[in-house]
């Protein structure tokens, strides 16, 4: 504690820790309110309240240890180092000179920690599985191939040249839980282009693959990355690259055939029939036939004028009496 004596550095560190815990607590409460499953929501809300309480406690300690009259930092006192007097010694001439090696500066590069990938919030809300995966679940040995032989990839390459039709990201898994949520994210140049997510349907150990099969003209050149998550925890990442321009999209015309027939008949002596066929081009043919009734000759017999017998009155003489026996 002697290092913090007479300064407000301890108060500053406590205030920074309180700010970190309050930010994490608020974020956990927000995520918990958006989660649809009761178990996840309860865990996150409880963690959010714990971190909020810790932030309030640290803020109180920072306020108690703060002293306005003390400076924030005390500069280290400068101590004067006495210089030694150089003693003159007689130099002895020599014909050979020994080179003195110059000190070399050693540059040590410190790698900054890379944050682990995380599942996007829009996809985390879509988690439908209520099975909690094992913490010891692993995904590794990621191979990229454009064909499979059973469950095994045919070859393994990290550099591909267009044209491409599909890609398999084959991996080895262990300690998986049946029904646990499994997600695979495909990125191109840092942009999400495809994902698949659902309950795990395989066993606890073996080999599986994630497949992406877009149209051939969608395989743009660039750096591709595939991330695997079990539940909401990141497990592994694979990388491959694509070079060369993809083929141009081709459009295939579709032929549509429509046939319509209409028949019109009347009781008159004129018959009109019309048929229309349409197949991207329309042709109309009309047949008109007209029949005119012709006169019909009928033969009949007419009786000829036949004279008929008629009685004609003729003068007669006076009748005579004829005697009878």
C-alpha atoms as a PDB file:
ATOM      1  CA  UNK A   1       0.000   0.000   0.000  1.00  0.00           C
ATOM      2  CA  UNK A   2       3.011   2.322   0.161  1.00  0.00           C
ATOM      3  CA  UNK A   3       2.755   2.731  -3.597  1.00  0.00           C
ATOM      4  CA  UNK A   4      -0.714   4.317  -3.277  1.00  0.00           C
ATOM      5  CA  UNK A   5       0.187   6.454  -0.226  1.00  0.00           C
ATOM      6  CA  UNK A   6      -0.456  10.143  -0.810  1.00  0.00           C
ATOM      7  CA  UNK A   7      -2.200   9.616  -4.181  1.00  0.00           C
ATOM      8  CA  UNK A   8      -5.671   9.015  -5.563  1.00  0.00           C
ATOM      9  CA  UNK A   9      -4.528   6.224  -7.872  1.00  0.00           C
ATOM     10  CA  UNK A  10      -6.404   3.582  -5.865  1.00  0.00           C
ATOM     11  CA  UNK A  11      -9.642   5.565  -6.193  1.00  0.00           C
ATOM     12  CA  UNK A  12      -9.133   5.816  -9.926  1.00  0.00           C
ATOM     13  CA  UNK A  13      -8.627   2.045 -10.297  1.00  0.00           C
ATOM     14  CA  UNK A  14     -11.697   1.288  -8.201  1.00  0.00           C
ATOM     15  CA  UNK A  15     -13.809   3.699 -10.257  1.00  0.00           C
ATOM     16  CA  UNK A  16     -12.608   2.076 -13.489  1.00  0.00           C
ATOM     17  CA  UNK A  17     -13.492  -1.384 -12.174  1.00  0.00           C
ATOM     18  CA  UNK A  18     -16.928  -0.108 -11.109  1.00  0.00           C
ATOM     19  CA  UNK A  19     -17.547   1.287 -14.592  1.00  0.00           C
ATOM     20  CA  UNK A  20     -16.568  -2.030 -16.187  1.00  0.00           C
ATOM     21  CA  UNK A  21     -18.892  -4.040 -13.924  1.00  0.00           C
ATOM     22  CA  UNK A  22     -21.842  -1.679 -14.393  1.00  0.00           C
ATOM     23  CA  UNK A  23     -21.440  -1.848 -18.208  1.00  0.00           C
ATOM     24  CA  UNK A  24     -21.272  -5.641 -18.152  1.00  0.00           C
ATOM     25  CA  UNK A  25     -24.267  -5.855 -15.830  1.00  0.00           C
ATOM     26  CA  UNK A  26     -26.434  -3.622 -18.008  1.00  0.00           C
ATOM     27  CA  UNK A  27     -25.492  -5.622 -21.105  1.00  0.00           C
ATOM     28  CA  UNK A  28     -26.338  -8.910 -19.354  1.00  0.00           C
ATOM     29  CA  UNK A  29     -29.719  -7.538 -18.264  1.00  0.00           C
ATOM     30  CA  UNK A  30     -30.507  -6.448 -21.808  1.00  0.00           C
ATOM     31  CA  UNK A  31     -29.570  -9.815 -23.275  1.00  0.00           C
ATOM     32  CA  UNK A  32     -31.580 -11.599 -20.596  1.00  0.00           C
ATOM     33  CA  UNK A  33     -34.686  -9.570 -21.414  1.00  0.00           C
ATOM     34  CA  UNK A  34     -34.388 -10.515 -25.106  1.00  0.00           C
ATOM     35  CA  UNK A  35     -33.841 -14.254 -24.580  1.00  0.00           C
ATOM     36  CA  UNK A  36     -36.975 -16.345 -25.078  1.00  0.00           C
ATOM     37  CA  UNK A  37     -35.909 -19.295 -22.933  1.00  0.00           C
ATOM     38  CA  UNK A  38     -36.482 -19.121 -19.220  1.00  0.00           C
ATOM     39  CA  UNK A  39     -33.212 -20.808 -18.144  1.00  0.00           C
ATOM     40  CA  UNK A  40     -30.978 -18.528 -20.210  1.00  0.00           C
ATOM     41  CA  UNK A  41     -32.963 -15.465 -19.228  1.00  0.00           C
ATOM     42  CA  UNK A  42     -32.713 -16.302 -15.509  1.00  0.00           C
ATOM     43  CA  UNK A  43     -28.949 -16.920 -15.698  1.00  0.00           C
ATOM     44  CA  UNK A  44     -28.226 -13.677 -17.504  1.00  0.00           C
ATOM     45  CA  UNK A  45     -30.505 -11.550 -15.380  1.00  0.00           C
ATOM     46  CA  UNK A  46     -28.960 -13.006 -12.213  1.00  0.00           C
ATOM     47  CA  UNK A  47     -25.442 -12.370 -13.524  1.00  0.00           C
ATOM     48  CA  UNK A  48     -26.433  -8.837 -14.483  1.00  0.00           C
ATOM     49  CA  UNK A  49     -27.653  -8.036 -10.981  1.00  0.00           C
ATOM     50  CA  UNK A  50     -24.522  -9.527  -9.398  1.00  0.00           C
ATOM     51  CA  UNK A  51     -22.266  -7.385 -11.591  1.00  0.00           C
ATOM     52  CA  UNK A  52     -24.390  -4.302 -10.914  1.00  0.00           C
ATOM     53  CA  UNK A  53     -24.105  -4.868  -7.170  1.00  0.00           C
ATOM     54  CA  UNK A  54     -20.333  -5.324  -7.448  1.00  0.00           C
ATOM     55  CA  UNK A  55     -20.107  -2.085  -9.415  1.00  0.00           C
ATOM     56  CA  UNK A  56     -21.979  -0.187  -6.708  1.00  0.00           C
ATOM     57  CA  UNK A  57     -19.707  -1.651  -4.024  1.00  0.00           C
ATOM     58  CA  UNK A  58     -16.556  -0.660  -5.915  1.00  0.00           C
ATOM     59  CA  UNK A  59     -17.929   2.824  -6.525  1.00  0.00           C
ATOM     60  CA  UNK A  60     -18.503   3.235  -2.781  1.00  0.00           C
ATOM     61  CA  UNK A  61     -14.937   2.145  -1.978  1.00  0.00           C
ATOM     62  CA  UNK A  62     -13.605   4.563  -4.596  1.00  0.00           C
ATOM     63  CA  UNK A  63     -15.523   7.407  -2.988  1.00  0.00           C
ATOM     64  CA  UNK A  64     -14.192   6.499   0.493  1.00  0.00           C
ATOM     65  CA  UNK A  65     -10.559   6.338  -0.601  1.00  0.00           C
ATOM     66  CA  UNK A  66     -10.662   9.566  -2.630  1.00  0.00           C
ATOM     67  CA  UNK A  67      -8.928  12.603  -1.057  1.00  0.00           C
ATOM     68  CA  UNK A  68      -9.236  15.879  -2.954  1.00  0.00           C
ATOM     69  CA  UNK A  69      -6.013  17.299  -1.522  1.00  0.00           C
ATOM     70  CA  UNK A  70      -3.906  14.405  -2.802  1.00  0.00           C
ATOM     71  CA  UNK A  71      -2.607  14.431  -6.390  1.00  0.00           C
ATOM     72  CA  UNK A  72      -3.504  11.686  -8.790  1.00  0.00           C
ATOM     73  CA  UNK A  73       0.088  10.524  -9.290  1.00  0.00           C
ATOM     74  CA  UNK A  74       3.315  11.438  -7.509  1.00  0.00           C
ATOM     75  CA  UNK A  75       6.317  11.691  -9.812  1.00  0.00           C
ATOM     76  CA  UNK A  76       9.253   9.583  -8.795  1.00  0.00           C
ATOM     77  CA  UNK A  77      12.006  11.713  -7.191  1.00  0.00           C
ATOM     78  CA  UNK A  78      15.047  12.281  -9.318  1.00  0.00           C
ATOM     79  CA  UNK A  79      18.202  11.005  -7.652  1.00  0.00           C
ATOM     80  CA  UNK A  80      21.504  12.421  -8.782  1.00  0.00           C
ATOM     81  CA  UNK A  81      24.130   9.832  -9.597  1.00  0.00           C
ATOM     82  CA  UNK A  82      27.670  11.012  -8.802  1.00  0.00           C
ATOM     83  CA  UNK A  83      30.007  10.912 -11.726  1.00  0.00           C
ATOM     84  CA  UNK A  84      33.254   9.095 -11.306  1.00  0.00           C
ATOM     85  CA  UNK A  85      36.391  10.929 -12.137  1.00  0.00           C
ATOM     86  CA  UNK A  86      38.218   9.579 -15.056  1.00  0.00           C
ATOM     87  CA  UNK A  87      41.758   8.512 -14.277  1.00  0.00           C
ATOM     88  CA  UNK A  88      44.371   9.238 -16.872  1.00  0.00           C
ATOM     89  CA  UNK A  89      46.520   6.276 -17.624  1.00  0.00           C
ATOM     90  CA  UNK A  90      49.422   6.376 -19.998  1.00  0.00           C
ATOM     91  CA  UNK A  91      48.518   4.748 -23.264  1.00  0.00           C
ATOM     92  CA  UNK A  92      50.859   2.191 -24.670  1.00  0.00           C
ATOM     93  CA  UNK A  93      51.055   2.235 -28.447  1.00  0.00           C
ATOM     94  CA  UNK A  94      50.083  -0.968 -30.144  1.00  0.00           C
ATOM     95  CA  UNK A  95      49.982  -1.906 -33.769  1.00  0.00           C
ATOM     96  CA  UNK A  96      46.880  -4.147 -33.553  1.00  0.00           C
ATOM     97  CA  UNK A  97      43.484  -2.750 -32.666  1.00  0.00           C
ATOM     98  CA  UNK A  98      40.761  -4.946 -31.245  1.00  0.00           C
ATOM     99  CA  UNK A  99      37.276  -4.008 -32.537  1.00  0.00           C
ATOM    100  CA  UNK A 100      34.758  -3.412 -29.824  1.00  0.00           C
ATOM    101  CA  UNK A 101      31.365  -5.013 -30.584  1.00  0.00           C
ATOM    102  CA  UNK A 102      28.438  -2.599 -30.543  1.00  0.00           C
ATOM    103  CA  UNK A 103      25.533  -3.493 -28.311  1.00  0.00           C
ATOM    104  CA  UNK A 104      22.507  -4.641 -30.250  1.00  0.00           C
ATOM    105  CA  UNK A 105      19.002  -3.712 -29.289  1.00  0.00           C
ATOM    106  CA  UNK A 106      16.660  -6.623 -28.830  1.00  0.00           C
ATOM    107  CA  UNK A 107      13.137  -5.798 -29.978  1.00  0.00           C
ATOM    108  CA  UNK A 108      10.490  -7.925 -28.323  1.00  0.00           C
ATOM    109  CA  UNK A 109       7.097  -7.936 -30.045  1.00  0.00           C
ATOM    110  CA  UNK A 110       4.166  -8.349 -27.714  1.00  0.00           C
ATOM    111  CA  UNK A 111       1.096  -9.832 -29.432  1.00  0.00           C
ATOM    112  CA  UNK A 112      -2.169  -8.238 -28.420  1.00  0.00           C
ATOM    113  CA  UNK A 113      -4.888 -10.740 -27.482  1.00  0.00           C
ATOM    114  CA  UNK A 114      -7.410 -11.344 -30.276  1.00  0.00           C
ATOM    115  CA  UNK A 115     -11.026 -11.371 -29.084  1.00  0.00           C
ATOM    116  CA  UNK A 116     -12.779 -14.689 -29.576  1.00  0.00           C
ATOM    117  CA  UNK A 117     -15.623 -14.759 -32.141  1.00  0.00           C
ATOM    118  CA  UNK A 118     -19.113 -14.436 -30.723  1.00  0.00           C
ATOM    119  CA  UNK A 119     -22.525 -15.436 -32.000  1.00  0.00           C
ATOM    120  CA  UNK A 120     -24.476 -12.432 -33.382  1.00  0.00           C
ATOM    121  CA  UNK A 121     -27.382 -11.355 -31.226  1.00  0.00           C
ATOM    122  CA  UNK A 122     -29.840 -11.776 -34.119  1.00  0.00           C
ATOM    123  CA  UNK A 123     -28.829 -15.448 -34.382  1.00  0.00           C
ATOM    124  CA  UNK A 124     -28.598 -15.992 -30.635  1.00  0.00           C
ATOM    125  CA  UNK A 125     -32.284 -15.106 -30.322  1.00  0.00           C
ATOM    126  CA  UNK A 126     -33.081 -17.821 -32.903  1.00  0.00           C
ATOM    127  CA  UNK A 127     -31.676 -20.584 -30.674  1.00  0.00           C
ATOM    128  CA  UNK A 128     -34.477 -23.139 -30.392  1.00  0.00           C
ATOM    129  CA  UNK A 129     -32.773 -25.902 -28.416  1.00  0.00           C
ATOM    130  CA  UNK A 130     -33.244 -26.118 -24.657  1.00  0.00           C
ATOM    131  CA  UNK A 131     -30.526 -28.782 -24.215  1.00  0.00           C
ATOM    132  CA  UNK A 132     -27.407 -27.511 -22.451  1.00  0.00           C
ATOM    133  CA  UNK A 133     -24.259 -28.710 -24.284  1.00  0.00           C
ATOM    134  CA  UNK A 134     -21.217 -30.080 -22.507  1.00  0.00           C
ATOM    135  CA  UNK A 135     -18.471 -27.595 -21.736  1.00  0.00           C
ATOM    136  CA  UNK A 136     -15.902 -30.133 -22.961  1.00  0.00           C
ATOM    137  CA  UNK A 137     -17.385 -30.291 -26.496  1.00  0.00           C
ATOM    138  CA  UNK A 138     -14.689 -29.763 -29.146  1.00  0.00           C
ATOM    139  CA  UNK A 139     -14.603 -29.078 -32.897  1.00  0.00           C
ATOM    140  CA  UNK A 140     -11.330 -29.323 -34.841  1.00  0.00           C
ATOM    141  CA  UNK A 141      -9.368 -30.577 -37.848  1.00  0.00           C
ATOM    142  CA  UNK A 142     -11.337 -28.468 -40.341  1.00  0.00           C
ATOM    143  CA  UNK A 143     -10.832 -29.521 -43.987  1.00  0.00           C
ATOM    144  CA  UNK A 144     -12.264 -27.816 -47.084  1.00  0.00           C
ATOM    145  CA  UNK A 145     -13.282 -29.861 -50.113  1.00  0.00           C
ATOM    146  CA  UNK A 146     -15.770 -29.655 -52.979  1.00  0.00           C
ATOM    147  CA  UNK A 147     -16.782 -33.336 -52.701  1.00  0.00           C
ATOM    148  CA  UNK A 148     -17.338 -35.998 -50.039  1.00  0.00           C
ATOM    149  CA  UNK A 149     -16.762 -39.730 -49.966  1.00  0.00           C
ATOM    150  CA  UNK A 150     -19.304 -40.725 -47.363  1.00  0.00           C
ATOM    151  CA  UNK A 151     -18.486 -38.408 -44.449  1.00  0.00           C
ATOM    152  CA  UNK A 152     -14.829 -37.920 -45.419  1.00  0.00           C
ATOM    153  CA  UNK A 153     -13.675 -35.048 -47.644  1.00  0.00           C
ATOM    154  CA  UNK A 154     -12.022 -35.780 -50.973  1.00  0.00           C
ATOM    155  CA  UNK A 155      -8.760 -33.888 -50.474  1.00  0.00           C
ATOM    156  CA  UNK A 156      -8.050 -30.759 -48.458  1.00  0.00           C
ATOM    157  CA  UNK A 157      -7.132 -27.360 -49.890  1.00  0.00           C
ATOM    158  CA  UNK A 158      -7.092 -23.810 -48.543  1.00  0.00           C
ATOM    159  CA  UNK A 159      -6.740 -22.064 -51.944  1.00  0.00           C
ATOM    160  CA  UNK A 160      -9.411 -22.463 -54.623  1.00  0.00           C
ATOM    161  CA  UNK A 161      -9.837 -21.072 -58.145  1.00  0.00           C
ATOM    162  CA  UNK A 162     -13.146 -20.293 -59.873  1.00  0.00           C
ATOM    163  CA  UNK A 163     -15.409 -21.745 -61.131  1.00  0.00           C
ATOM    164  CA  UNK A 164     -16.849 -23.386 -57.998  1.00  0.00           C
ATOM    165  CA  UNK A 165     -20.256 -24.883 -57.310  1.00  0.00           C
ATOM    166  CA  UNK A 166     -20.165 -25.986 -53.661  1.00  0.00           C
ATOM    167  CA  UNK A 167     -17.896 -26.227 -50.634  1.00  0.00           C
ATOM    168  CA  UNK A 168     -17.815 -28.604 -47.660  1.00  0.00           C
ATOM    169  CA  UNK A 169     -16.267 -27.627 -44.326  1.00  0.00           C
ATOM    170  CA  UNK A 170     -15.545 -31.042 -42.795  1.00  0.00           C
ATOM    171  CA  UNK A 171     -14.591 -31.247 -39.108  1.00  0.00           C
ATOM    172  CA  UNK A 172     -13.981 -33.711 -36.288  1.00  0.00           C
ATOM    173  CA  UNK A 173     -16.149 -33.391 -33.163  1.00  0.00           C
ATOM    174  CA  UNK A 174     -16.209 -34.953 -29.708  1.00  0.00           C
ATOM    175  CA  UNK A 175     -18.250 -34.776 -26.475  1.00  0.00           C
ATOM    176  CA  UNK A 176     -21.280 -33.474 -28.362  1.00  0.00           C
ATOM    177  CA  UNK A 177     -24.756 -33.671 -26.793  1.00  0.00           C
ATOM    178  CA  UNK A 178     -27.730 -34.842 -28.824  1.00  0.00           C
ATOM    179  CA  UNK A 179     -30.231 -31.994 -29.272  1.00  0.00           C
ATOM    180  CA  UNK A 180     -27.803 -29.208 -28.333  1.00  0.00           C
ATOM    181  CA  UNK A 181     -27.754 -26.150 -30.584  1.00  0.00           C
ATOM    182  CA  UNK A 182     -25.069 -26.211 -33.318  1.00  0.00           C
ATOM    183  CA  UNK A 183     -24.348 -23.239 -35.599  1.00  0.00           C
ATOM    184  CA  UNK A 184     -22.001 -22.728 -38.574  1.00  0.00           C
ATOM    185  CA  UNK A 185     -21.355 -19.204 -39.926  1.00  0.00           C
ATOM    186  CA  UNK A 186     -19.806 -18.574 -43.369  1.00  0.00           C
ATOM    187  CA  UNK A 187     -18.083 -15.203 -43.915  1.00  0.00           C
ATOM    188  CA  UNK A 188     -16.601 -13.598 -47.035  1.00  0.00           C
ATOM    189  CA  UNK A 189     -14.172 -10.745 -46.345  1.00  0.00           C
ATOM    190  CA  UNK A 190     -15.708 -10.347 -42.882  1.00  0.00           C
ATOM    191  CA  UNK A 191     -19.326 -10.265 -44.127  1.00  0.00           C
ATOM    192  CA  UNK A 192     -21.810 -12.992 -43.191  1.00  0.00           C
ATOM    193  CA  UNK A 193     -23.039 -14.691 -46.394  1.00  0.00           C
ATOM    194  CA  UNK A 194     -24.533 -17.963 -45.119  1.00  0.00           C
ATOM    195  CA  UNK A 195     -25.361 -19.739 -41.882  1.00  0.00           C
ATOM    196  CA  UNK A 196     -27.027 -22.925 -40.686  1.00  0.00           C
ATOM    197  CA  UNK A 197     -28.252 -23.573 -37.155  1.00  0.00           C
ATOM    198  CA  UNK A 198     -30.287 -26.257 -35.451  1.00  0.00           C
ATOM    199  CA  UNK A 199     -30.301 -29.035 -32.859  1.00  0.00           C
ATOM    200  CA  UNK A 200     -27.415 -31.526 -33.096  1.00  0.00           C
ATOM    201  CA  UNK A 201     -28.681 -34.781 -34.639  1.00  0.00           C
ATOM    202  CA  UNK A 202     -25.481 -36.907 -34.646  1.00  0.00           C
ATOM    203  CA  UNK A 203     -23.576 -38.813 -31.979  1.00  0.00           C
ATOM    204  CA  UNK A 204     -21.049 -37.670 -29.422  1.00  0.00           C
ATOM    205  CA  UNK A 205     -17.896 -38.321 -31.459  1.00  0.00           C
ATOM    206  CA  UNK A 206     -17.106 -38.550 -35.172  1.00  0.00           C
ATOM    207  CA  UNK A 207     -16.846 -36.420 -38.323  1.00  0.00           C
ATOM    208  CA  UNK A 208     -19.450 -34.137 -39.890  1.00  0.00           C
ATOM    209  CA  UNK A 209     -19.519 -31.273 -42.367  1.00  0.00           C
ATOM    210  CA  UNK A 210     -21.242 -27.995 -43.179  1.00  0.00           C
ATOM    211  CA  UNK A 211     -22.164 -27.389 -46.827  1.00  0.00           C
ATOM    212  CA  UNK A 212     -22.627 -24.136 -48.740  1.00  0.00           C
ATOM    213  CA  UNK A 213     -23.871 -24.360 -52.338  1.00  0.00           C
ATOM    214  CA  UNK A 214     -24.677 -20.943 -53.837  1.00  0.00           C
ATOM    215  CA  UNK A 215     -25.028 -20.156 -57.532  1.00  0.00           C
ATOM    216  CA  UNK A 216     -21.684 -20.339 -59.424  1.00  0.00           C
ATOM    217  CA  UNK A 217     -21.682 -16.585 -60.104  1.00  0.00           C
ATOM    218  CA  UNK A 218     -21.875 -15.858 -56.344  1.00  0.00           C
ATOM    219  CA  UNK A 219     -18.383 -17.293 -55.644  1.00  0.00           C
ATOM    220  CA  UNK A 220     -16.650 -13.905 -55.556  1.00  0.00           C
ATOM    221  CA  UNK A 221     -12.878 -13.867 -54.958  1.00  0.00           C
ATOM    222  CA  UNK A 222     -11.749 -13.124 -51.416  1.00  0.00           C
ATOM    223  CA  UNK A 223     -10.976 -14.561 -47.999  1.00  0.00           C
ATOM    224  CA  UNK A 224     -13.567 -16.972 -46.590  1.00  0.00           C
ATOM    225  CA  UNK A 225     -13.993 -17.974 -42.951  1.00  0.00           C
ATOM    226  CA  UNK A 226     -16.205 -20.600 -41.283  1.00  0.00           C
ATOM    227  CA  UNK A 227     -16.958 -20.365 -37.546  1.00  0.00           C
ATOM    228  CA  UNK A 228     -18.486 -23.183 -35.481  1.00  0.00           C
ATOM    229  CA  UNK A 229     -20.510 -22.665 -32.282  1.00  0.00           C
ATOM    230  CA  UNK A 230     -21.923 -25.196 -29.824  1.00  0.00           C
ATOM    231  CA  UNK A 231     -24.758 -23.505 -28.004  1.00  0.00           C
ATOM    232  CA  UNK A 232     -23.580 -19.893 -27.860  1.00  0.00           C
ATOM    233  CA  UNK A 233     -19.895 -20.748 -27.300  1.00  0.00           C
ATOM    234  CA  UNK A 234     -17.353 -20.500 -30.106  1.00  0.00           C
ATOM    235  CA  UNK A 235     -15.379 -23.703 -30.734  1.00  0.00           C
ATOM    236  CA  UNK A 236     -13.289 -23.433 -33.938  1.00  0.00           C
ATOM    237  CA  UNK A 237     -12.640 -21.380 -37.094  1.00  0.00           C
ATOM    238  CA  UNK A 238     -11.423 -22.445 -40.556  1.00  0.00           C
ATOM    239  CA  UNK A 239     -10.081 -20.292 -43.414  1.00  0.00           C
ATOM    240  CA  UNK A 240      -9.767 -20.653 -47.195  1.00  0.00           C
ATOM    241  CA  UNK A 241      -9.434 -18.282 -50.147  1.00  0.00           C
ATOM    242  CA  UNK A 242     -10.951 -18.070 -53.628  1.00  0.00           C
ATOM    243  CA  UNK A 243      -9.257 -16.437 -56.627  1.00  0.00           C
ATOM    244  CA  UNK A 244     -10.400 -15.756 -60.187  1.00  0.00           C
ATOM    245  CA  UNK A 245     -13.589 -14.202 -61.468  1.00  0.00           C
ATOM    246  CA  UNK A 246     -16.792 -16.260 -61.209  1.00  0.00           C
ATOM    247  CA  UNK A 247     -18.743 -17.126 -64.378  1.00  0.00           C
ATOM    248  CA  UNK A 248     -21.387 -14.710 -65.582  1.00  0.00           C
ATOM    249  CA  UNK A 249     -24.991 -15.594 -64.717  1.00  0.00           C
ATOM    250  CA  UNK A 250     -26.956 -17.222 -67.545  1.00  0.00           C
ATOM    251  CA  UNK A 251     -30.670 -16.759 -68.114  1.00  0.00           C
ATOM    252  CA  UNK A 252     -32.737 -19.566 -69.670  1.00  0.00           C
ATOM    253  CA  UNK A 253     -36.000 -18.513 -71.392  1.00  0.00           C
ATOM    254  CA  UNK A 254     -39.103 -20.383 -70.332  1.00  0.00           C
ATOM    255  CA  UNK A 255     -41.636 -21.450 -72.971  1.00  0.00           C
ATOM    256  CA  UNK A 256     -45.272 -21.166 -71.914  1.00  0.00           C
ATOM    257  CA  UNK A 257     -47.926 -22.838 -74.097  1.00  0.00           C
ATOM    258  CA  UNK A 258     -51.550 -21.777 -73.803  1.00  0.00           C
ATOM    259  CA  UNK A 259     -54.288 -23.265 -75.995  1.00  0.00           C
ATOM    260  CA  UNK A 260     -57.772 -21.803 -76.159  1.00  0.00           C
ATOM    261  CA  UNK A 261     -60.533 -23.220 -78.392  1.00  0.00           C
ATOM    262  CA  UNK A 262     -63.966 -21.619 -78.903  1.00  0.00           C
ATOM    263  CA  UNK A 263     -66.839 -23.211 -80.861  1.00  0.00           C
ATOM    264  CA  UNK A 264     -69.826 -21.118 -82.003  1.00  0.00           C
ATOM    265  CA  UNK A 265     -72.808 -22.815 -83.650  1.00  0.00           C
ATOM    266  CA  UNK A 266     -76.158 -21.314 -84.674  1.00  0.00           C
ATOM    267  CA  UNK A 267     -79.374 -22.779 -85.990  1.00  0.00           C
ATOM    268  CA  UNK A 268     -79.101 -20.903 -89.248  1.00  0.00           C
ATOM    269  CA  UNK A 269     -77.641 -22.338 -92.371  1.00  0.00           C
ATOM    270  CA  UNK A 270     -74.298 -20.610 -91.716  1.00  0.00           C
ATOM    271  CA  UNK A 271     -71.749 -22.527 -89.529  1.00  0.00           C
ATOM    272  CA  UNK A 272     -68.917 -20.497 -87.957  1.00  0.00           C
ATOM    273  CA  UNK A 273     -65.995 -22.286 -86.223  1.00  0.00           C
ATOM    274  CA  UNK A 274     -63.000 -20.475 -84.728  1.00  0.00           C
ATOM    275  CA  UNK A 275     -59.856 -22.027 -83.132  1.00  0.00           C
ATOM    276  CA  UNK A 276     -57.064 -19.944 -81.578  1.00  0.00           C
ATOM    277  CA  UNK A 277     -53.659 -21.339 -80.433  1.00  0.00           C
ATOM    278  CA  UNK A 278     -51.063 -19.188 -78.570  1.00  0.00           C
ATOM    279  CA  UNK A 279     -47.383 -20.147 -77.906  1.00  0.00           C
ATOM    280  CA  UNK A 280     -45.369 -16.910 -77.413  1.00  0.00           C
ATOM    281  CA  UNK A 281     -46.688 -16.094 -80.925  1.00  0.00           C
ATOM    282  CA  UNK A 282     -50.403 -16.070 -81.839  1.00  0.00           C
ATOM    283  CA  UNK A 283     -51.857 -17.488 -85.011  1.00  0.00           C
ATOM    284  CA  UNK A 284     -55.571 -17.276 -85.797  1.00  0.00           C
ATOM    285  CA  UNK A 285     -57.277 -19.353 -88.426  1.00  0.00           C
ATOM    286  CA  UNK A 286     -60.987 -18.833 -89.304  1.00  0.00           C
ATOM    287  CA  UNK A 287     -62.991 -21.175 -91.453  1.00  0.00           C
ATOM    288  CA  UNK A 288     -66.322 -19.850 -92.770  1.00  0.00           C
ATOM    289  CA  UNK A 289     -68.540 -22.158 -94.708  1.00  0.00           C
ATOM    290  CA  UNK A 290     -71.922 -21.082 -96.042  1.00  0.00           C
ATOM    291  CA  UNK A 291     -74.472 -23.400 -97.625  1.00  0.00           C
ATOM    292  CA  UNK A 292     -77.412 -22.028 -99.614  1.00  0.00           C
ATOM    293  CA  UNK A 293     -80.445 -24.235 -99.940  1.00  0.00           C
ATOM    294  CA  UNK A 294     -81.218 -25.232-103.581  1.00  0.00           C
ATOM    295  CA  UNK A 295     -84.703 -25.870-104.876  1.00  0.00           C
ATOM    296  CA  UNK A 296     -85.938 -29.474-104.899  1.00  0.00           C
ATOM    297  CA  UNK A 297     -87.814 -30.745-107.891  1.00  0.00           C
ATOM    298  CA  UNK A 298     -90.776 -33.006-107.105  1.00  0.00           C
ATOM    299  CA  UNK A 299     -92.546 -35.041-109.841  1.00  0.00           C
ATOM    300  CA  UNK A 300     -96.276 -35.708-109.609  1.00  0.00           C
ATOM    301  CA  UNK A 301     -98.779 -37.238-111.969  1.00  0.00           C
ATOM    302  CA  UNK A 302    -101.707 -35.232-113.241  1.00  0.00           C
ATOM    303  CA  UNK A 303    -104.674 -37.169-114.621  1.00  0.00           C
ATOM    304  CA  UNK A 304    -105.354 -36.403-118.333  1.00  0.00           C
ATOM    305  CA  UNK A 305    -108.636 -35.008-119.450  1.00  0.00           C
ATOM    306  CA  UNK A 306    -110.703 -38.150-120.045  1.00  0.00           C
ATOM    307  CA  UNK A 307    -114.125 -37.719-121.630  1.00  0.00           C
ATOM    308  CA  UNK A 308    -116.930 -38.922-119.463  1.00  0.00           C
ATOM    309  CA  UNK A 309    -120.160 -40.391-120.641  1.00  0.00           C
ATOM    310  CA  UNK A 310    -123.205 -38.201-120.174  1.00  0.00           C
ATOM    311  CA  UNK A 311    -126.790 -38.707-121.000  1.00  0.00           C
ATOM    312  CA  UNK A 312    -128.199 -36.589-123.763  1.00  0.00           C
ATOM    313  CA  UNK A 313    -131.913 -36.114-124.201  1.00  0.00           C
ATOM    314  CA  UNK A 314    -133.054 -37.184-127.634  1.00  0.00           C
ATOM    315  CA  UNK A 315    -136.514 -36.758-129.028  1.00  0.00           C
ATOM    316  CA  UNK A 316    -138.531 -39.971-129.083  1.00  0.00           C
ATOM    317  CA  UNK A 317    -141.592 -40.936-130.903  1.00  0.00           C
ATOM    318  CA  UNK A 318    -144.895 -41.567-129.266  1.00  0.00           C
ATOM    319  CA  UNK A 319    -144.711 -44.945-127.676  1.00  0.00           C
ATOM    320  CA  UNK A 320    -146.767 -47.644-129.176  1.00  0.00           C
ATOM    321  CA  UNK A 321    -148.627 -50.168-127.255  1.00  0.00           C
ATOM    322  CA  UNK A 322    -147.236 -53.541-127.555  1.00  0.00           C
ATOM    323  CA  UNK A 323    -149.539 -56.375-126.826  1.00  0.00           C
ATOM    324  CA  UNK A 324    -148.552 -58.889-124.269  1.00  0.00           C
ATOM    325  CA  UNK A 325    -149.538 -62.477-124.165  1.00  0.00           C
END
